[in-house]
Amino acid sequence: MKIHPWRKKGLAWMLTLTMLAIACIGAGCSSKPVDQEPCYIAQVVEDDVFSNAEGINKSKYDSLELGMTYQEVSETIGQGTIISQNEEVVIYQYLGESGYGANAELVFRDNKLIDKNEMGLK
């Protein structure tokens, strides 16, 4: 059986790409234990989230009452980060001081607190 020249080139390219893919995947593997080389992403999370001593806690969250203005809330727990906004409603997020994932979301309409939700606050 005779193989056409264009098939030889196609097979050669396929073999080359396969070998390249295997080499790239293999280059990402390391035989070093994980604890010897800290992960940069984990370091960022640790610095930004776990050391958030100024974050909101359950006590501060419970002190917030519906109808409070954003100014009153800011004086109580500090300024939040806007995560959503339209013409009528603004939603702020506050990171929790208790660690990764802990947060509170406060919903304001016409500068008045109309809803509040928390997850993982201590």
Protein backbone atom coordinates (compact mmCIF):
# COMPACT_ATOMS: atom_id res chain seq x y z
CA MET A 1 0.00 0.00 0.00
CA LYS A 2 1.36 3.36 -1.03
CA ILE A 3 0.96 6.45 1.24
CA HIS A 4 0.35 9.73 -0.52
CA PRO A 5 2.96 12.47 0.12
CA TRP A 6 0.39 14.82 1.71
CA ARG A 7 -0.55 12.10 4.21
CA LYS A 8 3.11 11.68 5.18
CA LYS A 9 3.30 15.39 5.96
CA GLY A 10 0.02 15.24 7.88
CA LEU A 11 1.21 12.30 9.96
CA ALA A 12 4.51 14.02 10.62
CA TRP A 13 2.73 17.17 11.83
CA MET A 14 0.37 15.14 13.99
CA LEU A 15 3.27 13.25 15.55
CA THR A 16 5.18 16.50 16.13
CA LEU A 17 2.19 18.19 17.79
CA THR A 18 1.54 15.14 19.97
CA MET A 19 5.16 15.05 21.15
CA LEU A 20 5.09 18.80 21.80
CA ALA A 21 1.90 18.45 23.87
CA ILE A 22 3.41 15.63 25.91
CA ALA A 23 6.56 17.68 26.51
CA CYS A 24 4.51 20.70 27.64
CA ILE A 25 2.41 18.63 30.02
CA GLY A 26 5.49 16.93 31.42
CA ALA A 27 7.25 20.25 31.96
CA GLY A 28 4.45 21.34 34.30
CA CYS A 29 5.03 18.38 36.61
CA SER A 30 7.54 18.60 39.41
CA SER A 31 9.00 15.97 41.70
CA LYS A 32 9.54 18.53 44.49
CA PRO A 33 7.23 18.29 47.52
CA VAL A 34 4.58 21.02 47.60
CA ASP A 35 5.69 22.37 50.98
CA GLN A 36 9.17 23.26 49.66
CA GLU A 37 7.92 25.76 47.11
CA PRO A 38 5.01 28.02 48.16
CA CYS A 39 2.33 28.71 45.62
CA TYR A 40 2.14 32.38 44.61
CA ILE A 41 -1.65 32.29 44.31
CA ALA A 42 -2.02 30.84 47.80
CA GLN A 43 0.25 33.59 49.12
CA VAL A 44 -1.96 36.28 47.57
CA VAL A 45 -5.11 34.72 49.07
CA GLU A 46 -3.45 34.46 52.46
CA ASP A 47 -2.26 38.07 52.41
CA ASP A 48 -5.51 39.55 51.10
CA VAL A 49 -8.16 37.47 52.87
CA PHE A 50 -6.88 35.75 55.98
CA SER A 51 -5.15 38.80 57.40
CA ASN A 52 -8.25 40.98 56.98
CA ALA A 53 -8.34 42.15 60.61
CA GLU A 54 -10.50 45.15 59.67
CA GLY A 55 -13.23 43.05 58.05
CA ILE A 56 -16.80 42.73 59.23
CA ASN A 57 -17.76 40.26 61.97
CA LYS A 58 -21.12 38.83 63.08
CA SER A 59 -21.51 41.36 65.88
CA LYS A 60 -21.06 44.34 63.55
CA TYR A 61 -23.35 42.73 60.98
CA ASP A 62 -26.09 42.16 63.57
CA SER A 63 -25.89 45.82 64.64
CA LEU A 64 -26.96 46.98 61.16
CA GLU A 65 -30.65 47.81 60.85
CA LEU A 66 -32.77 48.11 57.74
CA GLY A 67 -33.40 51.75 56.91
CA MET A 68 -29.90 52.92 57.90
CA THR A 69 -28.20 55.22 55.39
CA TYR A 70 -24.94 54.26 53.71
CA GLN A 71 -23.24 56.98 55.77
CA GLU A 72 -24.48 55.41 59.01
CA VAL A 73 -23.39 51.95 57.88
CA SER A 74 -19.96 53.27 56.84
CA GLU A 75 -19.47 54.84 60.26
CA THR A 76 -20.30 51.49 61.86
CA ILE A 77 -18.41 49.01 59.68
CA GLY A 78 -16.37 51.04 57.19
CA GLN A 79 -16.73 51.36 53.43
CA GLY A 80 -17.65 48.40 51.27
CA THR A 81 -16.81 47.48 47.70
CA ILE A 82 -19.52 48.04 45.08
CA ILE A 83 -20.24 44.71 43.39
CA SER A 84 -23.39 45.74 41.51
CA GLN A 85 -25.11 49.01 40.73
CA ASN A 86 -27.98 50.31 38.63
CA GLU A 87 -30.12 53.45 38.68
CA GLU A 88 -31.98 52.44 41.85
CA VAL A 89 -29.95 49.88 43.77
CA VAL A 90 -26.32 49.59 44.93
CA ILE A 91 -24.93 46.38 46.41
CA TYR A 92 -21.81 46.56 48.59
CA GLN A 93 -19.66 43.66 49.72
CA TYR A 94 -17.68 43.55 52.95
CA LEU A 95 -15.05 40.87 53.55
CA GLY A 96 -15.32 39.03 56.84
CA GLU A 97 -12.54 39.08 59.38
CA SER A 98 -13.03 35.36 60.07
CA GLY A 99 -11.25 34.20 56.92
CA TYR A 100 -11.62 32.87 53.43
CA GLY A 101 -15.13 33.18 52.01
CA ALA A 102 -16.67 35.03 54.95
CA ASN A 103 -18.48 38.14 53.75
CA ALA A 104 -21.56 40.31 53.95
CA GLU A 105 -23.54 41.91 51.16
CA LEU A 106 -25.64 44.99 51.83
CA VAL A 107 -28.29 46.28 49.43
CA PHE A 108 -29.15 49.98 49.35
CA ARG A 109 -32.00 51.69 47.52
CA ASP A 110 -32.22 55.48 47.61
CA ASN A 111 -29.30 55.45 50.08
CA LYS A 112 -31.24 53.27 52.58
CA LEU A 113 -30.32 49.73 53.63
CA ILE A 114 -33.10 47.48 52.30
CA ASP A 115 -31.52 44.01 52.60
CA LYS A 116 -28.50 42.35 54.14
CA ASN A 117 -26.97 38.89 53.73
CA GLU A 118 -23.96 37.26 55.33
CA MET A 119 -22.00 34.06 54.91
CA GLY A 120 -19.49 32.61 57.36
CA LEU A 121 -19.21 35.58 59.71
CA LYS A 122 -18.15 34.81 63.27
